[in-house]
Amino acid sequence: MSISTQTRSEPAGRLQQKQPAPAPTVQSSRSFRTAKAMNYQAWVAKAAKQPLVLETGDLGPLAPEDVEIAVEHCGLCHSDLSVLNNDWGISQYPAILGHEVVGRVTTVGPNAKKLKVGQRVGVGWNSGSCMYCRQCMSGSHHLCPQAQATIVGHRGGFASRLRSHWAWAIPLPEKLDFAEAGPLLCGGITVFAPLVMYARPTDRVGVIGIGGLGHMALKFAAAYGCDVTAFTSSPGKFEEAKGFGANQVVSSKDSAAIGKLGGRFDLLISTVNVKLDWDAMIGTLAPNGRLHFVGAVLEPVAIAVFSLIAQQRSVSGSPTGSPVAIETMLDFASRHNIAPQTEHFPMSNINAAFARLESGQARYRIVLDADFPSA
């Protein structure tokens, strides 16, 4: 792909803060070349844990069911950092990361449906699926065995342009703040999905971890009508959590306080990637309650089975969601004025943005604004 490589210095700059393993996708062999295919620029990870460098190249022919999108904004998710560092063992290099993409459709393949040139769309964790397996045919496209991750074996959104199967390029509601919408496409649907699957507006819901995922979970659960409790290890986040919609905030390090919550919650959503006292957390579940993981805890989770059996409790997990689920989430966010709290960097400062994310200082999502030099 590469024609030339450019490195850039990465001054931290002034942050602008605003509140408001996959297999390749099956594609037809028929394709055509777009007029701007040669004007492609991208920030590329050459190897694990290495700074990204700017490259230019040729995207080649566009598949007939794909669309091409001019990238305007792209969220920087912790999953991008995990893939950069190969934490999950699925990374492929060179890698073009970025999977919370907002932009305008510039080209539509001859067999693509629904979308038009100039339409503003978003692309999240997946950019394609086979469209014929049982999961796709039943509406669970995100569970397709051939689902194409946007940043593994595919060119992601830290680039001037992105390509996606038309079904995974989700039209954005006009009432959304487009510059802030990127994190909804991955983090937003990740926490929205378990609420839709397992919660009712009358339920008591706990959110473990108030970070990039957790702060959006609080907003969605509160808007859904639930009684919401936030668990955080950071005392400095207590008041912020209430501002995001929590009715109560409890320290995840306070065993006595957690013990007083026995049998309370209908649903606990864990957004953290660290080890906690999971048996204590399960003890806070009501009968038929559920502990649901959306944070990727890399260590095995040890659980005493008897507490599940005796109270008919469950443990589960989920990834993101189908195109329809993402569209539903965006509509809900638009109607309830839900947006992530973000910090913005120009995309040319991408390495500084990764460093801030890795340091744990980001509050709470980072969005990169495309600023590629003219071709």
Protein backbone atom coordinates (compact mmCIF):
# COMPACT_ATOMS: atom_id res chain seq x y z
CA MET A 1 0.00 0.00 0.00
CA SER A 2 2.73 2.43 0.95
CA ILE A 3 4.16 4.94 -1.48
CA SER A 4 5.86 7.28 0.97
CA THR A 5 6.23 7.63 4.72
CA GLN A 6 6.24 10.77 6.85
CA THR A 7 6.90 11.08 10.57
CA ARG A 8 5.65 14.00 12.63
CA SER A 9 6.52 15.44 16.00
CA GLU A 10 3.70 15.13 18.48
CA PRO A 11 3.31 18.20 20.72
CA ALA A 12 0.60 17.61 23.29
CA GLY A 13 -1.04 20.88 22.36
CA ARG A 14 -4.10 22.32 24.02
CA LEU A 15 -6.89 19.84 24.67
CA GLN A 16 -10.37 20.87 23.63
CA GLN A 17 -12.84 19.32 26.05
CA LYS A 18 -16.55 19.18 25.47
CA GLN A 19 -19.26 17.58 27.58
CA PRO A 20 -22.44 16.88 26.07
CA ALA A 21 -10.75 -12.15 15.82
CA PRO A 22 -12.08 -11.86 12.68
CA ALA A 23 -11.98 -13.56 9.30
CA PRO A 24 -12.05 -11.58 6.04
CA THR A 25 -15.43 -10.45 4.78
CA VAL A 26 -16.76 -12.39 1.81
CA GLN A 27 -16.92 -10.01 -1.17
CA SER A 28 -17.72 -10.27 -4.85
CA SER A 29 -14.76 -10.30 -7.21
CA ARG A 30 -16.34 -7.56 -9.32
CA SER A 31 -14.96 -4.12 -8.47
CA PHE A 32 -14.19 -0.66 -9.81
CA ARG A 33 -11.65 2.08 -9.09
CA THR A 34 -12.66 5.45 -7.68
CA ALA A 35 -11.26 8.72 -8.96
CA LYS A 36 -9.67 9.58 -5.61
CA ALA A 37 -8.26 6.14 -4.81
CA MET A 38 -4.71 7.49 -5.21
CA ASN A 39 -5.26 10.32 -2.71
CA TYR A 40 -5.42 8.03 0.32
CA GLN A 41 -3.51 8.97 3.47
CA ALA A 42 -3.40 7.04 6.73
CA TRP A 43 -1.64 6.82 10.07
CA VAL A 44 -0.04 3.38 10.11
CA ALA A 45 1.20 1.16 12.95
CA LYS A 46 4.16 -0.77 11.53
CA ALA A 47 4.59 -3.01 14.56
CA ALA A 48 3.32 -3.51 18.11
CA LYS A 49 3.85 -0.62 20.53
CA GLN A 50 5.45 1.60 17.88
CA PRO A 51 4.53 5.22 17.02
CA LEU A 52 2.19 5.63 14.07
CA VAL A 53 3.56 7.14 10.85
CA LEU A 54 1.76 8.93 8.04
CA GLU A 55 1.65 7.09 4.71
CA THR A 56 0.06 7.72 1.34
CA GLY A 57 -1.12 5.07 -1.06
CA ASP A 58 -3.71 3.60 -3.38
CA LEU A 59 -6.84 1.99 -1.98
CA GLY A 60 -7.41 0.05 -5.17
CA PRO A 61 -10.81 -1.00 -6.51
CA LEU A 62 -13.97 -0.51 -4.47
CA ALA A 63 -16.01 -3.68 -3.90
CA PRO A 64 -19.48 -3.49 -5.45
CA GLU A 65 -21.36 -3.61 -2.12
CA ASP A 66 -19.03 -1.16 -0.36
CA VAL A 67 -19.10 2.58 0.12
CA GLU A 68 -16.18 4.96 0.52
CA ILE A 69 -16.32 7.58 3.25
CA ALA A 70 -14.33 10.79 3.68
CA VAL A 71 -13.32 10.72 7.34
CA GLU A 72 -14.15 13.84 9.36
CA HIS A 73 -13.73 12.54 12.93
CA CYS A 74 -12.65 9.25 14.50
CA GLY A 75 -12.79 8.28 18.15
CA LEU A 76 -9.74 6.76 19.82
CA CYS A 77 -10.97 3.75 21.79
CA HIS A 78 -9.06 1.66 24.32
CA SER A 79 -9.51 -1.23 21.87
CA ASP A 80 -7.33 0.70 19.40
CA LEU A 81 -4.62 0.76 22.07
CA SER A 82 -5.09 -2.96 22.74
CA VAL A 83 -4.74 -3.77 19.03
CA LEU A 84 -1.75 -1.43 18.69
CA ASN A 85 -0.03 -3.28 21.54
CA ASN A 86 -1.32 -6.71 20.43
CA ASP A 87 -2.76 -7.28 23.91
CA TRP A 88 -5.30 -9.74 22.52
CA GLY A 89 -2.95 -11.60 20.18
CA ILE A 90 -5.05 -10.91 17.06
CA SER A 91 -3.29 -7.85 15.62
CA GLN A 92 -2.05 -7.76 12.03
CA TYR A 93 0.67 -5.32 10.97
CA PRO A 94 0.93 -2.95 9.31
CA ALA A 95 -2.30 -1.80 10.93
CA ILE A 96 -4.51 1.21 10.31
CA LEU A 97 -6.51 1.65 13.50
CA GLY A 98 -9.60 3.72 14.29
CA HIS A 99 -13.11 2.26 14.48
CA GLU A 100 -15.37 5.09 15.66
CA VAL A 101 -15.60 6.85 12.32
CA VAL A 102 -17.81 9.75 11.30
CA GLY A 103 -17.73 11.09 7.75
CA ARG A 104 -19.55 11.63 4.47
CA VAL A 105 -20.14 9.06 1.74
CA THR A 106 -18.09 9.97 -1.33
CA THR A 107 -18.56 6.89 -3.51
CA VAL A 108 -21.21 4.18 -3.62
CA GLY A 109 -20.54 0.75 -5.13
CA PRO A 110 -22.93 -0.39 -7.87
CA ASN A 111 -24.56 -3.01 -5.64
CA ALA A 112 -24.68 -0.92 -2.45
CA LYS A 113 -28.12 -0.07 -1.10
CA LYS A 114 -29.76 2.72 0.83
CA LEU A 115 -26.84 5.21 1.00
CA LYS A 116 -26.21 8.27 -1.15
CA VAL A 117 -23.16 10.38 -1.91
CA GLY A 118 -22.93 13.23 0.58
CA GLN A 119 -24.78 11.38 3.35
CA ARG A 120 -23.15 11.51 6.77
CA VAL A 121 -22.62 8.07 8.29
CA GLY A 122 -20.77 6.29 11.08
CA VAL A 123 -18.79 3.04 11.13
CA GLY A 124 -17.93 1.20 14.34
CA TRP A 125 -16.08 -1.98 15.36
CA ASN A 126 -17.29 -3.95 12.34
CA SER A 127 -17.25 -2.85 8.72
CA GLY A 128 -18.64 -6.00 7.11
CA SER A 129 -20.21 -9.44 7.56
CA CYS A 130 -21.08 -12.27 5.19
CA MET A 131 -24.82 -11.42 4.96
CA TYR A 132 -25.85 -15.06 4.40
CA CYS A 133 -25.07 -17.04 7.58
CA ARG A 134 -27.68 -17.85 10.22
CA GLN A 135 -26.51 -15.00 12.45
CA CYS A 136 -26.69 -12.40 9.68
CA MET A 137 -30.03 -13.70 8.41
CA SER A 138 -31.50 -13.50 11.93
CA GLY A 139 -30.28 -9.95 12.52
CA SER A 140 -27.21 -10.67 14.66
CA HIS A 141 -24.68 -9.56 12.07
CA HIS A 142 -22.12 -8.71 14.77
CA LEU A 143 -22.00 -12.42 15.68
CA CYS A 144 -21.27 -13.51 12.11
CA PRO A 145 -18.29 -15.92 12.03
CA GLN A 146 -16.91 -13.89 9.12
CA ALA A 147 -17.57 -10.45 10.61
CA GLN A 148 -14.87 -8.03 9.47
CA ALA A 149 -13.35 -6.01 12.29
CA THR A 150 -12.64 -2.49 11.07
CA ILE A 151 -9.08 -2.46 12.46
CA VAL A 152 -7.89 -6.09 12.12
CA GLY A 153 -7.07 -7.11 8.56
CA HIS A 154 -8.85 -3.99 7.30
CA ARG A 155 -7.94 -0.32 6.88
CA GLY A 156 -9.45 1.63 9.78
CA GLY A 157 -10.51 5.21 10.30
CA PHE A 158 -7.27 7.00 11.22
CA ALA A 159 -7.12 7.85 7.56
CA SER A 160 -8.46 10.26 5.00
CA ARG A 161 -10.92 7.65 3.75
CA LEU A 162 -12.56 4.47 4.97
CA ARG A 163 -14.38 1.70 3.15
CA SER A 164 -17.23 -0.34 4.56
CA HIS A 165 -19.99 -2.64 3.45
CA TRP A 166 -23.03 -0.42 2.99
CA ALA A 167 -25.02 -2.15 5.76
CA TRP A 168 -22.36 -1.27 8.35
CA ALA A 169 -22.22 2.42 7.39
CA ILE A 170 -24.95 3.72 9.69
CA PRO A 171 -26.79 6.95 8.78
CA LEU A 172 -26.47 9.49 11.60
CA PRO A 173 -29.54 11.30 12.99
CA GLU A 174 -29.47 14.99 12.12
CA LYS A 175 -29.94 16.02 15.77
CA LEU A 176 -26.65 14.40 16.83
CA ASP A 177 -23.54 16.52 17.30
CA PHE A 178 -21.51 14.78 14.60
CA ALA A 179 -18.14 15.84 16.03
CA GLU A 180 -19.02 14.01 19.28
CA ALA A 181 -20.81 10.98 17.80
CA GLY A 182 -17.81 8.73 17.07
CA PRO A 183 -17.50 7.08 20.51
CA LEU A 184 -21.18 6.10 20.39
CA LEU A 185 -20.42 3.78 17.46
CA CYS A 186 -18.32 1.43 19.62
CA GLY A 187 -18.46 2.37 23.30
CA GLY A 188 -22.04 3.58 23.09
CA ILE A 189 -23.50 0.45 21.53
CA THR A 190 -21.33 -1.74 23.81
CA VAL A 191 -23.08 -0.43 26.94
CA PHE A 192 -26.47 0.19 25.36
CA ALA A 193 -26.87 -3.41 24.15
CA PRO A 194 -27.06 -5.10 27.59
CA LEU A 195 -29.57 -2.52 28.80
CA VAL A 196 -31.86 -3.36 25.87
CA MET A 197 -31.33 -7.10 26.31
CA TYR A 198 -31.60 -7.43 30.08
CA ALA A 199 -32.98 -4.28 31.78
CA ARG A 200 -36.36 -2.65 32.24
CA PRO A 201 -36.94 1.00 33.13
CA THR A 202 -38.06 -0.10 36.62
CA ASP A 203 -34.81 -2.01 37.30
CA ARG A 204 -31.92 -1.16 39.57
CA VAL A 205 -28.74 -1.11 37.51
CA GLY A 206 -25.13 -0.88 38.69
CA VAL A 207 -22.25 0.25 36.49
CA ILE A 208 -18.77 -0.90 37.50
CA GLY A 209 -16.04 1.49 36.38
CA ILE A 210 -16.57 5.14 35.41
CA GLY A 211 -14.33 5.59 32.40
CA GLY A 212 -14.73 5.65 28.65
CA LEU A 213 -17.46 2.98 28.69
CA GLY A 214 -18.87 3.50 32.17
CA HIS A 215 -19.74 7.18 31.88
CA MET A 216 -21.84 6.44 28.78
CA ALA A 217 -23.48 3.48 30.53
CA LEU A 218 -24.61 5.83 33.33
CA LYS A 219 -26.13 8.24 30.81
CA PHE A 220 -27.98 5.53 28.92
CA ALA A 221 -29.26 3.76 32.05
CA ALA A 222 -30.50 7.02 33.58
CA ALA A 223 -32.26 8.02 30.35
CA TYR A 224 -33.79 4.54 30.19
CA GLY A 225 -35.44 5.23 33.55
CA CYS A 226 -33.41 2.90 35.77
CA ASP A 227 -32.27 3.54 39.32
CA VAL A 228 -28.51 3.76 38.72
CA THR A 229 -25.55 3.09 41.03
CA ALA A 230 -21.98 3.79 39.97
CA PHE A 231 -18.99 1.81 41.30
CA THR A 232 -15.61 3.50 41.01
CA SER A 233 -12.21 3.20 42.67
CA SER A 234 -11.58 6.95 42.20
CA PRO A 235 -13.06 9.25 44.88
CA GLY A 236 -12.54 12.17 42.51
CA LYS A 237 -15.16 10.73 40.17
CA PHE A 238 -18.03 10.57 42.68
CA GLU A 239 -19.59 13.93 41.80
CA GLU A 240 -18.92 13.45 38.10
CA ALA A 241 -20.73 10.11 38.19
CA LYS A 242 -23.78 11.80 39.68
CA GLY A 243 -23.61 14.35 36.90
CA PHE A 244 -23.68 11.51 34.36
CA GLY A 245 -26.89 10.15 35.90
CA ALA A 246 -25.96 7.99 38.91
CA ASN A 247 -28.37 8.11 41.83
CA GLN A 248 -25.72 6.64 44.15
CA VAL A 249 -21.95 6.21 43.97
CA VAL A 250 -20.05 3.48 45.84
CA SER A 251 -16.32 2.88 46.11
CA SER A 252 -15.39 -0.41 44.46
CA LYS A 253 -12.65 -0.69 47.11
CA ASP A 254 -15.07 -0.41 50.07
CA SER A 255 -16.01 -3.98 50.97
CA ALA A 256 -18.30 -2.87 53.79
CA ALA A 257 -20.28 -0.53 51.51
CA ILE A 258 -20.57 -3.21 48.84
CA GLY A 259 -21.74 -5.71 51.48
CA LYS A 260 -24.65 -3.41 52.41
CA LEU A 261 -25.94 -3.68 48.84
CA GLY A 262 -26.69 -7.41 49.05
CA GLY A 263 -29.54 -8.53 46.78
CA ARG A 264 -30.10 -5.06 45.30
CA PHE A 265 -29.35 -5.04 41.57
CA ASP A 266 -31.23 -6.53 38.66
CA LEU A 267 -28.27 -5.88 36.35
CA LEU A 268 -24.61 -5.09 36.91
CA ILE A 269 -22.63 -3.93 33.86
CA SER A 270 -18.87 -4.29 34.31
CA THR A 271 -16.86 -1.96 32.08
CA VAL A 272 -13.45 -2.50 33.71
CA ASN A 273 -10.51 -4.59 32.50
CA VAL A 274 -9.03 -5.28 35.95
CA LYS A 275 -9.58 -7.98 38.56
CA LEU A 276 -12.16 -7.27 41.27
CA ASP A 277 -13.85 -9.25 44.04
CA TRP A 278 -16.41 -10.75 41.67
CA ASP A 279 -18.09 -12.87 44.32
CA ALA A 280 -18.77 -9.71 46.32
CA MET A 281 -20.25 -8.07 43.24
CA ILE A 282 -22.43 -11.11 42.52
CA GLY A 283 -23.63 -10.86 46.11
CA THR A 284 -25.19 -7.48 45.26
CA LEU A 285 -27.45 -9.08 42.64
CA ALA A 286 -31.13 -9.64 43.31
CA PRO A 287 -32.64 -13.05 42.59
CA ASN A 288 -32.55 -13.55 38.81
CA GLY A 289 -29.98 -10.74 38.64
CA ARG A 290 -27.19 -10.66 36.08
CA LEU A 291 -23.51 -9.63 36.07
CA HIS A 292 -22.70 -8.66 32.49
CA PHE A 293 -19.18 -8.06 31.20
CA VAL A 294 -18.39 -5.58 28.43
CA GLY A 295 -14.88 -4.76 29.67
CA ALA A 296 -12.20 -7.19 28.50
CA VAL A 297 -10.79 -8.63 31.74
CA LEU A 298 -7.79 -10.63 30.55
CA GLU A 299 -7.46 -12.76 33.70
CA PRO A 300 -9.88 -15.64 34.35
CA VAL A 301 -12.88 -14.61 36.45
CA ALA A 302 -13.24 -16.82 39.55
CA ILE A 303 -16.85 -17.20 40.72
CA ALA A 304 -18.44 -19.35 43.42
CA VAL A 305 -21.16 -21.24 41.55
CA PHE A 306 -23.36 -21.79 44.61
CA SER A 307 -24.31 -18.09 44.81
CA LEU A 308 -25.49 -18.29 41.20
CA ILE A 309 -27.51 -21.45 41.72
CA ALA A 310 -29.16 -20.46 45.00
CA GLN A 311 -30.49 -17.12 43.71
CA GLN A 312 -30.81 -18.06 40.03
CA ARG A 313 -28.27 -15.41 39.04
CA SER A 314 -26.42 -15.21 35.73
CA VAL A 315 -23.07 -14.11 34.34
CA SER A 316 -22.80 -13.06 30.70
CA GLY A 317 -20.99 -10.82 28.23
CA SER A 318 -21.50 -9.18 24.86
CA PRO A 319 -19.50 -7.32 22.18
CA THR A 320 -21.03 -4.42 20.23
CA GLY A 321 -24.22 -4.81 18.19
CA SER A 322 -25.83 -5.30 14.80
CA PRO A 323 -26.38 -2.45 12.33
CA VAL A 324 -30.02 -2.17 13.43
CA ALA A 325 -28.99 -2.13 17.11
CA ILE A 326 -26.48 0.65 16.40
CA GLU A 327 -29.10 2.64 14.50
CA THR A 328 -31.55 2.19 17.40
CA MET A 329 -28.91 3.33 19.91
CA LEU A 330 -28.12 6.44 17.84
CA ASP A 331 -31.81 7.30 17.64
CA PHE A 332 -32.14 6.88 21.43
CA ALA A 333 -29.06 9.04 22.02
CA SER A 334 -30.42 11.71 19.68
CA ARG A 335 -33.82 11.81 21.38
CA HIS A 336 -32.32 11.93 24.88
CA ASN A 337 -29.41 14.25 24.04
CA ILE A 338 -26.82 11.66 25.08
CA ALA A 339 -23.23 12.29 24.04
CA PRO A 340 -19.87 11.17 25.42
CA GLN A 341 -17.61 13.55 27.29
CA THR A 342 -14.68 14.05 24.95
CA GLU A 343 -11.27 15.57 24.40
CA HIS A 344 -10.31 16.52 20.85
CA PHE A 345 -6.94 16.27 19.15
CA PRO A 346 -6.08 16.99 15.53
CA MET A 347 -5.37 13.65 13.90
CA SER A 348 -1.83 14.84 13.16
CA ASN A 349 -1.25 14.63 16.95
CA ILE A 350 -2.33 11.00 17.00
CA ASN A 351 0.70 9.71 18.92
CA ALA A 352 0.16 12.29 21.65
CA ALA A 353 -3.49 11.19 21.85
CA PHE A 354 -2.45 7.52 22.22
CA ALA A 355 -0.03 8.50 24.99
CA ARG A 356 -2.77 10.36 26.86
CA LEU A 357 -5.14 7.42 26.55
CA GLU A 358 -2.51 4.96 27.76
CA SER A 359 -1.72 7.20 30.75
CA GLY A 360 -5.33 6.96 31.93
CA GLN A 361 -5.73 10.74 31.89
CA ALA A 362 -8.39 11.02 29.18
CA ARG A 363 -11.79 12.29 30.36
CA TYR A 364 -13.45 10.31 29.04
CA ARG A 365 -13.16 9.62 25.32
CA ILE A 366 -10.71 11.02 22.78
CA VAL A 367 -11.81 12.11 19.31
CA LEU A 368 -9.35 12.80 16.50
CA ASP A 369 -10.35 15.46 13.97
CA ALA A 370 -9.09 14.79 10.45
CA ASP A 371 -6.51 17.35 9.30
CA PHE A 372 -4.70 15.61 6.47
CA PRO A 373 -2.59 17.80 4.19
CA SER A 374 -4.00 18.32 0.72
CA ALA A 375 -2.92 15.65 -1.73
